[in-house]
C-alpha cells in the first residue's frame, strides 16, 4: 500500500509506484477527488479507481461519470469493500 499526501500527489504516486488500484475520497485538500479522477484517467487510464464519500449520492454519481469504477458511501461495510477490491484486482484473491 502506498499513500499520497493529498489529491495532487496521487497521480504522481501512481505514475512513480505503478499501483494496481487507487482508492480516493471525494473531499481532499489541494485537489478534490473529481479532479484527481480526471487526472488519473488522462495519465493512467487503465488504473482502476474506487471513490468514497460522505457527501451524498450526487458526488458518487459524478465520480462514476469521471471514471471511477466503483463507489462507496461512507460509512460502508468493510467486507463489501474487500470483496470489491478482490473483483477489481483478481490476483489479490488468489
Protein backbone atom coordinates (compact mmCIF):
# COMPACT_ATOMS: atom_id res chain seq x y z
CA UNK A 1 0.00 0.00 0.00
CA UNK A 2 1.21 3.47 -0.91
CA UNK A 3 -0.29 6.69 0.40
CA UNK A 4 -0.30 10.13 -1.16
CA UNK A 5 -0.45 13.26 0.98
CA UNK A 6 -3.33 14.82 -0.97
CA UNK A 7 -5.14 14.80 -4.29
CA UNK A 8 -2.24 16.39 -6.15
CA UNK A 9 0.16 13.69 -5.02
CA UNK A 10 -1.99 10.77 -6.13
CA UNK A 11 -1.23 10.94 -9.87
CA UNK A 12 2.50 11.38 -9.23
CA UNK A 13 2.47 8.45 -6.82
CA UNK A 14 0.56 6.23 -9.26
CA UNK A 15 2.96 7.02 -12.10
CA UNK A 16 6.04 6.54 -9.91
CA UNK A 17 4.92 3.43 -7.99
CA UNK A 18 2.89 1.64 -10.66
CA UNK A 19 -0.01 0.83 -8.33
CA UNK A 20 -2.79 -1.62 -9.23
CA UNK A 21 -5.67 0.32 -7.63
CA UNK A 22 -6.46 3.81 -6.35
CA UNK A 23 -8.91 4.44 -3.53
CA UNK A 24 -9.70 8.12 -3.20
CA UNK A 25 -12.01 10.24 -1.13
CA UNK A 26 -14.01 12.91 -2.93
CA UNK A 27 -13.14 15.63 -0.42
CA UNK A 28 -9.38 16.20 -0.12
CA UNK A 29 -7.09 19.19 0.29
CA UNK A 30 -5.41 20.88 -2.70
CA UNK A 31 -7.21 18.81 -5.36
CA UNK A 32 -10.59 17.18 -4.85
CA UNK A 33 -11.44 13.63 -5.80
CA UNK A 34 -13.17 14.65 -9.03
CA UNK A 35 -10.10 16.46 -10.33
CA UNK A 36 -7.94 13.57 -9.15
CA UNK A 37 -10.06 11.01 -11.03
CA UNK A 38 -9.97 13.12 -14.19
CA UNK A 39 -6.19 13.49 -13.94
CA UNK A 40 -5.78 9.76 -13.36
CA UNK A 41 -7.90 8.94 -16.41
CA UNK A 42 -5.62 11.13 -18.54
CA UNK A 43 -2.32 9.92 -17.07
CA UNK A 44 -3.08 6.29 -16.19
CA UNK A 45 -6.31 5.27 -17.93
CA UNK A 46 -6.13 1.58 -17.00
CA UNK A 47 -5.65 2.00 -13.23
CA UNK A 48 -8.98 1.29 -11.53
CA UNK A 49 -10.29 3.93 -9.14
CA UNK A 50 -12.66 3.41 -6.21
CA UNK A 51 -14.19 6.65 -4.90
CA UNK A 52 -15.56 7.07 -1.40
CA UNK A 53 -17.54 9.95 0.08
CA UNK A 54 -19.87 11.01 2.85
CA UNK A 55 -21.11 13.91 0.73
CA UNK A 56 -24.02 12.13 -0.94
CA UNK A 57 -25.02 10.15 -3.96
CA UNK A 58 -24.69 13.05 -6.41
CA UNK A 59 -20.96 13.24 -5.66
CA UNK A 60 -20.57 9.50 -6.07
CA UNK A 61 -22.51 9.53 -9.34
CA UNK A 62 -20.23 12.31 -10.58
CA UNK A 63 -17.19 10.21 -9.62
CA UNK A 64 -18.54 7.39 -11.80
CA UNK A 65 -19.06 9.78 -14.69
CA UNK A 66 -15.44 10.97 -14.36
CA UNK A 67 -14.11 7.41 -14.48
CA UNK A 68 -14.30 5.71 -11.08
CA UNK A 69 -15.05 2.01 -11.49
CA UNK A 70 -16.78 1.64 -8.09
CA UNK A 71 -18.16 3.98 -5.45
CA UNK A 72 -18.85 3.68 -1.73
CA UNK A 73 -20.87 5.97 0.51
CA UNK A 74 -19.41 6.44 3.98
CA UNK A 75 -19.84 4.60 6.20
CA UNK A 76 -19.58 1.36 4.25
CA UNK A 77 -19.26 -2.32 5.07
CA UNK A 78 -15.63 -3.34 5.13
CA UNK A 79 -16.45 -6.85 3.90
CA UNK A 80 -18.18 -5.50 0.79
CA UNK A 81 -15.25 -3.13 0.23
CA UNK A 82 -12.74 -6.01 0.40
CA UNK A 83 -14.90 -8.11 -1.95
CA UNK A 84 -15.00 -5.25 -4.44
CA UNK A 85 -11.23 -4.86 -4.32
CA UNK A 86 -10.86 -8.60 -4.94
CA UNK A 87 -13.07 -8.27 -8.04
CA UNK A 88 -11.13 -5.27 -9.33
CA UNK A 89 -7.76 -6.93 -8.70
CA UNK A 90 -8.39 -10.68 -9.05
CA UNK A 91 -4.80 -11.63 -8.22
CA UNK A 92 -5.37 -10.47 -4.63
CA UNK A 93 -7.98 -13.16 -4.03
CA UNK A 94 -5.73 -15.98 -5.31
